[in-house]
Amino acid sequence: MSADDVRQLLAGLSQDQKQRAFDLLRSEIDLHPLERELNTPAEVFLEAFHRADELTQRMMRGVLAEGAFAEFVLPALVEGGWQDLGAPGSSPDFTLDDGRGRIGLEIKLQRSEKGEPKLAHRMTRTFRGASESAYVVETQRTRTGEKGGEKTRPYGFGDFDVIGVSLWPSTGDWSRFRYAVASHLLPSDWQKGGAAQTMYHYQPVSMDAGQGWTDDFEEAADWFHSGDPGRIAYLPPDAPDLFGA
């Protein structure tokens, strides 16, 4: 029986019959290896996610962004010759190599407030003059802490090479990402004209061309491999030029 035959057969079933057929198949097929590892069906994970408080759901959406990259973007990269060298739970989230050298990719979810995607131009004290289409991503770790007297929450330049920002909050599409080279991002003391070794905790995500952001991971990889220091993704009109004229 071909796939078309199966689709035709299913189309003729009532909703109740379809549900019974699905339940039968579901009892024999795992959706993911984790089901067997934890001896728990995927439906339990979904119910737990649904019942969780907002803080937990926000953290889980960040994890979902990583999974979305692995599901929707990574397979095409691997098919095109990239090697996936990273392991789940590692930092950076992915380590990829196309033969020119390794690239550490950190995945972040576009920032939201009160269920709405955060826009850079509304942060008037920080990103005044930003394009109305520019969004915001939070570039710091979830947990606070110190090590050797230094705060461990901020990311340092060198912790990863490229950032990938999931645009799900503004698009509803888990396959949409914007990428930038980490060295193009704002340092923590950028407002004072400095060039600190840590990243500013918010970054504007430009949706415009020529602003250091792209929808194409491979284009961002080309920027990284070119060795061009580039320019930070956004500067307000009266800010100092950190990279010189």
C-alpha atoms as a PDB file:
ATOM      1  CA  MET A   1       0.000   0.000   0.000  1.00  0.00           C
ATOM      2  CA  SER A   2       1.460   3.369  -1.025  1.00  0.00           C
ATOM      3  CA  ALA A   3       1.510   6.549   1.064  1.00  0.00           C
ATOM      4  CA  ASP A   4      -1.197   7.977  -1.211  1.00  0.00           C
ATOM      5  CA  ASP A   5      -3.371   4.921  -0.542  1.00  0.00           C
ATOM      6  CA  VAL A   6      -2.940   5.442   3.210  1.00  0.00           C
ATOM      7  CA  ARG A   7      -3.822   9.129   2.946  1.00  0.00           C
ATOM      8  CA  GLN A   8      -6.926   8.278   0.926  1.00  0.00           C
ATOM      9  CA  LEU A   9      -7.964   5.658   3.476  1.00  0.00           C
ATOM     10  CA  LEU A  10      -7.490   8.065   6.376  1.00  0.00           C
ATOM     11  CA  ALA A  11      -9.444  10.773   4.581  1.00  0.00           C
ATOM     12  CA  GLY A  12     -12.469   8.501   4.573  1.00  0.00           C
ATOM     13  CA  LEU A  13     -12.396   7.904   8.339  1.00  0.00           C
ATOM     14  CA  SER A  14     -14.443   9.806  10.892  1.00  0.00           C
ATOM     15  CA  GLN A  15     -12.604  11.917  13.466  1.00  0.00           C
ATOM     16  CA  ASP A  16     -13.220   9.259  16.100  1.00  0.00           C
ATOM     17  CA  GLN A  17     -11.838   6.547  13.823  1.00  0.00           C
ATOM     18  CA  LYS A  18      -8.767   8.668  13.074  1.00  0.00           C
ATOM     19  CA  GLN A  19      -8.178   9.153  16.799  1.00  0.00           C
ATOM     20  CA  ARG A  20      -8.386   5.400  17.431  1.00  0.00           C
ATOM     21  CA  ALA A  21      -5.985   4.719  14.566  1.00  0.00           C
ATOM     22  CA  PHE A  22      -3.591   7.335  15.923  1.00  0.00           C
ATOM     23  CA  ASP A  23      -3.770   5.907  19.449  1.00  0.00           C
ATOM     24  CA  LEU A  24      -2.930   2.451  18.092  1.00  0.00           C
ATOM     25  CA  LEU A  25       0.083   3.746  16.156  1.00  0.00           C
ATOM     26  CA  ARG A  26       1.158   5.962  19.046  1.00  0.00           C
ATOM     27  CA  SER A  27       1.305   2.952  21.368  1.00  0.00           C
ATOM     28  CA  GLU A  28       3.866   1.370  19.043  1.00  0.00           C
ATOM     29  CA  ILE A  29       5.924   4.376  17.918  1.00  0.00           C
ATOM     30  CA  ASP A  30       8.092   6.689  20.039  1.00  0.00           C
ATOM     31  CA  LEU A  31       8.197  10.317  18.976  1.00  0.00           C
ATOM     32  CA  HIS A  32      11.672  10.832  20.443  1.00  0.00           C
ATOM     33  CA  PRO A  33      14.401   8.668  22.081  1.00  0.00           C
ATOM     34  CA  LEU A  34      13.922  10.629  25.328  1.00  0.00           C
ATOM     35  CA  GLU A  35      10.566   8.917  25.781  1.00  0.00           C
ATOM     36  CA  ARG A  36      12.318   5.594  26.164  1.00  0.00           C
ATOM     37  CA  GLU A  37      15.199   7.032  28.180  1.00  0.00           C
ATOM     38  CA  LEU A  38      12.856   8.518  30.807  1.00  0.00           C
ATOM     39  CA  ASN A  39      10.077   5.954  30.291  1.00  0.00           C
ATOM     40  CA  THR A  40       7.667   8.843  29.798  1.00  0.00           C
ATOM     41  CA  PRO A  41       5.532   9.673  26.739  1.00  0.00           C
ATOM     42  CA  ALA A  42       5.977  13.028  25.021  1.00  0.00           C
ATOM     43  CA  GLU A  43       2.458  13.984  26.055  1.00  0.00           C
ATOM     44  CA  VAL A  44       3.634  14.126  29.693  1.00  0.00           C
ATOM     45  CA  PHE A  45       6.358  16.636  28.768  1.00  0.00           C
ATOM     46  CA  LEU A  46       3.816  18.776  26.931  1.00  0.00           C
ATOM     47  CA  GLU A  47       1.376  18.697  29.837  1.00  0.00           C
ATOM     48  CA  ALA A  48       4.138  19.635  32.287  1.00  0.00           C
ATOM     49  CA  PHE A  49       5.126  22.546  30.038  1.00  0.00           C
ATOM     50  CA  HIS A  50       1.487  23.638  29.778  1.00  0.00           C
ATOM     51  CA  ARG A  51       1.042  23.601  33.574  1.00  0.00           C
ATOM     52  CA  ALA A  52       4.320  25.375  34.387  1.00  0.00           C
ATOM     53  CA  ASP A  53       4.497  28.962  35.652  1.00  0.00           C
ATOM     54  CA  GLU A  54       5.517  31.827  33.357  1.00  0.00           C
ATOM     55  CA  LEU A  55       9.171  31.844  34.439  1.00  0.00           C
ATOM     56  CA  THR A  56       9.538  28.141  33.703  1.00  0.00           C
ATOM     57  CA  GLN A  57       7.730  28.501  30.380  1.00  0.00           C
ATOM     58  CA  ARG A  58      10.011  31.392  29.428  1.00  0.00           C
ATOM     59  CA  MET A  59      13.072  29.274  30.167  1.00  0.00           C
ATOM     60  CA  MET A  60      11.607  26.368  28.222  1.00  0.00           C
ATOM     61  CA  ARG A  61      10.913  28.572  25.202  1.00  0.00           C
ATOM     62  CA  GLY A  62      14.623  29.329  25.168  1.00  0.00           C
ATOM     63  CA  VAL A  63      15.337  25.606  25.121  1.00  0.00           C
ATOM     64  CA  LEU A  64      12.746  25.185  22.368  1.00  0.00           C
ATOM     65  CA  ALA A  65      14.648  27.738  20.275  1.00  0.00           C
ATOM     66  CA  GLU A  66      17.720  25.481  20.444  1.00  0.00           C
ATOM     67  CA  GLY A  67      15.624  22.472  19.500  1.00  0.00           C
ATOM     68  CA  ALA A  68      14.067  24.398  16.621  1.00  0.00           C
ATOM     69  CA  PHE A  69      17.497  25.183  15.182  1.00  0.00           C
ATOM     70  CA  ALA A  70      18.435  21.508  15.484  1.00  0.00           C
ATOM     71  CA  GLU A  71      15.194  20.445  13.809  1.00  0.00           C
ATOM     72  CA  PHE A  72      14.651  23.080  11.116  1.00  0.00           C
ATOM     73  CA  VAL A  73      18.081  24.513  10.227  1.00  0.00           C
ATOM     74  CA  LEU A  74      20.810  22.064  11.181  1.00  0.00           C
ATOM     75  CA  PRO A  75      19.791  19.158   8.877  1.00  0.00           C
ATOM     76  CA  ALA A  76      20.175  21.316   5.756  1.00  0.00           C
ATOM     77  CA  LEU A  77      23.573  22.534   6.951  1.00  0.00           C
ATOM     78  CA  VAL A  78      24.766  18.983   7.568  1.00  0.00           C
ATOM     79  CA  GLU A  79      23.443  17.914   4.163  1.00  0.00           C
ATOM     80  CA  GLY A  80      25.404  20.805   2.666  1.00  0.00           C
ATOM     81  CA  GLY A  81      28.673  19.624   4.190  1.00  0.00           C
ATOM     82  CA  TRP A  82      28.744  21.091   7.691  1.00  0.00           C
ATOM     83  CA  GLN A  83      29.802  18.886  10.601  1.00  0.00           C
ATOM     84  CA  ASP A  84      27.823  19.079  13.835  1.00  0.00           C
ATOM     85  CA  LEU A  85      30.479  18.778  16.559  1.00  0.00           C
ATOM     86  CA  GLY A  86      28.422  19.955  19.529  1.00  0.00           C
ATOM     87  CA  ALA A  87      26.600  17.990  22.182  1.00  0.00           C
ATOM     88  CA  PRO A  88      23.202  18.844  23.738  1.00  0.00           C
ATOM     89  CA  GLY A  89      23.609  20.844  26.928  1.00  0.00           C
ATOM     90  CA  SER A  90      27.023  22.216  25.979  1.00  0.00           C
ATOM     91  CA  SER A  91      28.024  25.852  25.690  1.00  0.00           C
ATOM     92  CA  PRO A  92      28.044  27.219  23.079  1.00  0.00           C
ATOM     93  CA  ASP A  93      24.861  25.457  22.044  1.00  0.00           C
ATOM     94  CA  PHE A  94      26.287  24.180  18.744  1.00  0.00           C
ATOM     95  CA  THR A  95      29.779  23.756  17.355  1.00  0.00           C
ATOM     96  CA  LEU A  96      29.813  23.544  13.559  1.00  0.00           C
ATOM     97  CA  ASP A  97      32.602  23.163  11.008  1.00  0.00           C
ATOM     98  CA  ASP A  98      32.460  23.450   7.214  1.00  0.00           C
ATOM     99  CA  GLY A  99      36.146  22.720   6.727  1.00  0.00           C
ATOM    100  CA  ARG A 100      37.305  26.299   7.265  1.00  0.00           C
ATOM    101  CA  GLY A 101      37.317  26.023  11.050  1.00  0.00           C
ATOM    102  CA  ARG A 102      34.977  25.634  13.972  1.00  0.00           C
ATOM    103  CA  ILE A 103      32.198  28.084  14.741  1.00  0.00           C
ATOM    104  CA  GLY A 104      30.565  28.210  18.146  1.00  0.00           C
ATOM    105  CA  LEU A 105      26.886  29.135  17.781  1.00  0.00           C
ATOM    106  CA  GLU A 106      24.798  30.405  20.689  1.00  0.00           C
ATOM    107  CA  ILE A 107      21.004  30.338  20.233  1.00  0.00           C
ATOM    108  CA  LYS A 108      18.840  32.907  21.983  1.00  0.00           C
ATOM    109  CA  LEU A 109      15.129  33.685  21.890  1.00  0.00           C
ATOM    110  CA  GLN A 110      14.006  37.159  20.912  1.00  0.00           C
ATOM    111  CA  ARG A 111      13.062  39.091  24.049  1.00  0.00           C
ATOM    112  CA  SER A 112       9.382  39.512  24.932  1.00  0.00           C
ATOM    113  CA  GLU A 113       7.545  41.546  27.542  1.00  0.00           C
ATOM    114  CA  LYS A 114       3.949  40.918  28.567  1.00  0.00           C
ATOM    115  CA  GLY A 115       3.583  38.477  25.678  1.00  0.00           C
ATOM    116  CA  GLU A 116       4.751  40.972  23.043  1.00  0.00           C
ATOM    117  CA  PRO A 117       8.124  41.035  21.234  1.00  0.00           C
ATOM    118  CA  LYS A 118      10.326  43.784  22.668  1.00  0.00           C
ATOM    119  CA  LEU A 119      11.201  46.568  20.200  1.00  0.00           C
ATOM    120  CA  ALA A 120      14.525  48.379  20.457  1.00  0.00           C
ATOM    121  CA  HIS A 121      13.204  51.877  19.761  1.00  0.00           C
ATOM    122  CA  ARG A 122      10.929  51.643  22.802  1.00  0.00           C
ATOM    123  CA  MET A 123      14.020  51.365  25.021  1.00  0.00           C
ATOM    124  CA  THR A 124      14.466  55.123  24.604  1.00  0.00           C
ATOM    125  CA  ARG A 125      17.274  55.489  27.136  1.00  0.00           C
ATOM    126  CA  THR A 126      19.299  52.711  25.519  1.00  0.00           C
ATOM    127  CA  PHE A 127      18.517  52.424  21.823  1.00  0.00           C
ATOM    128  CA  ARG A 128      16.978  55.781  20.960  1.00  0.00           C
ATOM    129  CA  GLY A 129      16.812  56.292  17.233  1.00  0.00           C
ATOM    130  CA  ALA A 130      16.737  52.564  16.451  1.00  0.00           C
ATOM    131  CA  SER A 131      14.683  51.383  13.501  1.00  0.00           C
ATOM    132  CA  GLU A 132      11.080  50.610  14.384  1.00  0.00           C
ATOM    133  CA  SER A 133      11.624  47.129  12.954  1.00  0.00           C
ATOM    134  CA  ALA A 134      14.585  46.338  15.266  1.00  0.00           C
ATOM    135  CA  TYR A 135      13.885  43.861  18.041  1.00  0.00           C
ATOM    136  CA  VAL A 136      15.842  43.010  21.198  1.00  0.00           C
ATOM    137  CA  VAL A 137      17.671  39.913  22.396  1.00  0.00           C
ATOM    138  CA  GLU A 138      19.009  39.351  25.909  1.00  0.00           C
ATOM    139  CA  THR A 139      22.663  38.312  25.807  1.00  0.00           C
ATOM    140  CA  GLN A 140      23.418  37.048  29.272  1.00  0.00           C
ATOM    141  CA  ARG A 141      23.143  33.735  31.090  1.00  0.00           C
ATOM    142  CA  THR A 142      20.006  32.864  33.020  1.00  0.00           C
ATOM    143  CA  ARG A 143      21.725  32.272  36.345  1.00  0.00           C
ATOM    144  CA  THR A 144      23.735  34.780  38.332  1.00  0.00           C
ATOM    145  CA  GLY A 145      26.960  33.940  40.105  1.00  0.00           C
ATOM    146  CA  GLU A 146      30.611  34.766  40.612  1.00  0.00           C
ATOM    147  CA  LYS A 147      33.896  33.018  39.916  1.00  0.00           C
ATOM    148  CA  GLY A 148      37.191  34.434  41.088  1.00  0.00           C
ATOM    149  CA  GLY A 149      35.452  37.685  41.988  1.00  0.00           C
ATOM    150  CA  GLU A 150      34.054  38.079  38.465  1.00  0.00           C
ATOM    151  CA  LYS A 151      30.353  37.924  37.627  1.00  0.00           C
ATOM    152  CA  THR A 152      29.574  34.840  35.534  1.00  0.00           C
ATOM    153  CA  ARG A 153      26.239  35.939  34.102  1.00  0.00           C
ATOM    154  CA  PRO A 154      27.576  38.194  31.302  1.00  0.00           C
ATOM    155  CA  TYR A 155      28.892  36.574  28.146  1.00  0.00           C
ATOM    156  CA  GLY A 156      32.457  37.389  27.243  1.00  0.00           C
ATOM    157  CA  PHE A 157      33.639  38.041  23.719  1.00  0.00           C
ATOM    158  CA  GLY A 158      35.133  34.676  22.815  1.00  0.00           C
ATOM    159  CA  ASP A 159      32.468  32.582  24.562  1.00  0.00           C
ATOM    160  CA  PHE A 160      30.883  31.996  21.149  1.00  0.00           C
ATOM    161  CA  ASP A 161      31.476  33.138  17.582  1.00  0.00           C
ATOM    162  CA  VAL A 162      27.999  33.629  16.106  1.00  0.00           C
ATOM    163  CA  ILE A 163      24.649  34.342  17.756  1.00  0.00           C
ATOM    164  CA  GLY A 164      21.396  32.998  16.323  1.00  0.00           C
ATOM    165  CA  VAL A 165      18.208  34.723  17.489  1.00  0.00           C
ATOM    166  CA  SER A 166      14.920  32.860  17.179  1.00  0.00           C
ATOM    167  CA  LEU A 167      12.218  35.174  15.802  1.00  0.00           C
ATOM    168  CA  TRP A 168       9.337  33.060  17.073  1.00  0.00           C
ATOM    169  CA  PRO A 169       7.930  35.807  19.364  1.00  0.00           C
ATOM    170  CA  SER A 170       7.426  38.165  16.407  1.00  0.00           C
ATOM    171  CA  THR A 171       6.776  35.668  13.590  1.00  0.00           C
ATOM    172  CA  GLY A 172       5.222  32.611  15.246  1.00  0.00           C
ATOM    173  CA  ASP A 173       7.667  30.602  13.122  1.00  0.00           C
ATOM    174  CA  TRP A 174      10.238  28.463  14.956  1.00  0.00           C
ATOM    175  CA  SER A 175      12.305  28.052  11.779  1.00  0.00           C
ATOM    176  CA  ARG A 176      13.096  31.808  11.522  1.00  0.00           C
ATOM    177  CA  PHE A 177      16.414  33.073  12.904  1.00  0.00           C
ATOM    178  CA  ARG A 178      18.629  36.162  12.602  1.00  0.00           C
ATOM    179  CA  TYR A 179      22.382  35.736  12.892  1.00  0.00           C
ATOM    180  CA  ALA A 180      25.263  38.059  13.742  1.00  0.00           C
ATOM    181  CA  VAL A 181      28.957  37.652  14.444  1.00  0.00           C
ATOM    182  CA  ALA A 182      29.572  37.944  18.191  1.00  0.00           C
ATOM    183  CA  SER A 183      32.403  40.443  17.729  1.00  0.00           C
ATOM    184  CA  HIS A 184      29.864  42.793  16.069  1.00  0.00           C
ATOM    185  CA  LEU A 185      27.769  43.016  19.236  1.00  0.00           C
ATOM    186  CA  LEU A 186      27.765  45.839  21.771  1.00  0.00           C
ATOM    187  CA  PRO A 187      30.248  45.626  24.665  1.00  0.00           C
ATOM    188  CA  SER A 188      28.975  46.174  28.194  1.00  0.00           C
ATOM    189  CA  ASP A 189      30.438  49.689  28.419  1.00  0.00           C
ATOM    190  CA  TRP A 190      29.558  50.823  24.881  1.00  0.00           C
ATOM    191  CA  GLN A 191      27.570  53.821  26.114  1.00  0.00           C
ATOM    192  CA  LYS A 192      30.787  55.246  27.555  1.00  0.00           C
ATOM    193  CA  GLY A 193      32.712  54.642  24.363  1.00  0.00           C
ATOM    194  CA  GLY A 194      34.549  51.632  25.762  1.00  0.00           C
ATOM    195  CA  ALA A 195      35.338  48.209  24.365  1.00  0.00           C
ATOM    196  CA  ALA A 196      34.850  45.888  27.341  1.00  0.00           C
ATOM    197  CA  GLN A 197      35.494  42.161  27.128  1.00  0.00           C
ATOM    198  CA  THR A 198      31.905  41.350  28.072  1.00  0.00           C
ATOM    199  CA  MET A 199      28.725  41.845  26.040  1.00  0.00           C
ATOM    200  CA  TYR A 200      26.001  44.320  26.868  1.00  0.00           C
ATOM    201  CA  HIS A 201      23.042  42.418  28.303  1.00  0.00           C
ATOM    202  CA  TYR A 202      20.653  43.650  25.595  1.00  0.00           C
ATOM    203  CA  GLN A 203      21.365  43.757  21.873  1.00  0.00           C
ATOM    204  CA  PRO A 204      19.235  45.300  19.097  1.00  0.00           C
ATOM    205  CA  VAL A 205      18.381  42.772  16.385  1.00  0.00           C
ATOM    206  CA  SER A 206      18.168  44.656  13.125  1.00  0.00           C
ATOM    207  CA  MET A 207      15.807  43.357  10.457  1.00  0.00           C
ATOM    208  CA  ASP A 208      17.355  45.691   7.871  1.00  0.00           C
ATOM    209  CA  ALA A 209      20.137  44.868   5.425  1.00  0.00           C
ATOM    210  CA  GLY A 210      23.599  46.229   6.137  1.00  0.00           C
ATOM    211  CA  GLN A 211      23.199  46.274   9.902  1.00  0.00           C
ATOM    212  CA  GLY A 212      25.323  43.247  10.790  1.00  0.00           C
ATOM    213  CA  TRP A 213      22.423  40.770  10.862  1.00  0.00           C
ATOM    214  CA  THR A 214      21.332  38.122   8.358  1.00  0.00           C
ATOM    215  CA  ASP A 215      18.699  35.387   7.975  1.00  0.00           C
ATOM    216  CA  ASP A 216      21.382  33.052   6.590  1.00  0.00           C
ATOM    217  CA  PHE A 217      23.708  31.261   9.016  1.00  0.00           C
ATOM    218  CA  GLU A 218      26.206  30.540   6.238  1.00  0.00           C
ATOM    219  CA  GLU A 219      26.447  34.240   5.423  1.00  0.00           C
ATOM    220  CA  ALA A 220      27.200  34.975   9.085  1.00  0.00           C
ATOM    221  CA  ALA A 221      29.808  32.182   8.960  1.00  0.00           C
ATOM    222  CA  ASP A 222      31.411  33.886   5.942  1.00  0.00           C
ATOM    223  CA  TRP A 223      31.562  37.150   7.901  1.00  0.00           C
ATOM    224  CA  PHE A 224      33.237  35.362  10.799  1.00  0.00           C
ATOM    225  CA  HIS A 225      35.773  33.522   8.655  1.00  0.00           C
ATOM    226  CA  SER A 226      36.640  36.669   6.690  1.00  0.00           C
ATOM    227  CA  GLY A 227      38.347  38.120   9.752  1.00  0.00           C
ATOM    228  CA  ASP A 228      36.663  41.461   9.103  1.00  0.00           C
ATOM    229  CA  PRO A 229      36.116  43.088  12.529  1.00  0.00           C
ATOM    230  CA  GLY A 230      32.916  44.563  11.141  1.00  0.00           C
ATOM    231  CA  ARG A 231      30.767  47.051  12.947  1.00  0.00           C
ATOM    232  CA  ILE A 232      28.427  46.574  15.841  1.00  0.00           C
ATOM    233  CA  ALA A 233      24.851  45.921  14.899  1.00  0.00           C
ATOM    234  CA  TYR A 234      23.529  49.267  16.098  1.00  0.00           C
ATOM    235  CA  LEU A 235      24.737  52.639  17.295  1.00  0.00           C
ATOM    236  CA  PRO A 236      22.500  55.605  18.139  1.00  0.00           C
ATOM    237  CA  PRO A 237      23.291  58.789  16.176  1.00  0.00           C
ATOM    238  CA  ASP A 238      25.289  60.429  18.988  1.00  0.00           C
ATOM    239  CA  ALA A 239      27.233  57.374  20.195  1.00  0.00           C
ATOM    240  CA  PRO A 240      31.017  57.095  19.819  1.00  0.00           C
ATOM    241  CA  ASP A 241      32.295  54.944  16.957  1.00  0.00           C
ATOM    242  CA  LEU A 242      33.961  52.041  18.729  1.00  0.00           C
ATOM    243  CA  PHE A 243      35.707  50.791  15.607  1.00  0.00           C
ATOM    244  CA  GLY A 244      36.988  54.132  14.307  1.00  0.00           C
ATOM    245  CA  ALA A 245      36.181  55.880  11.060  1.00  0.00           C
END
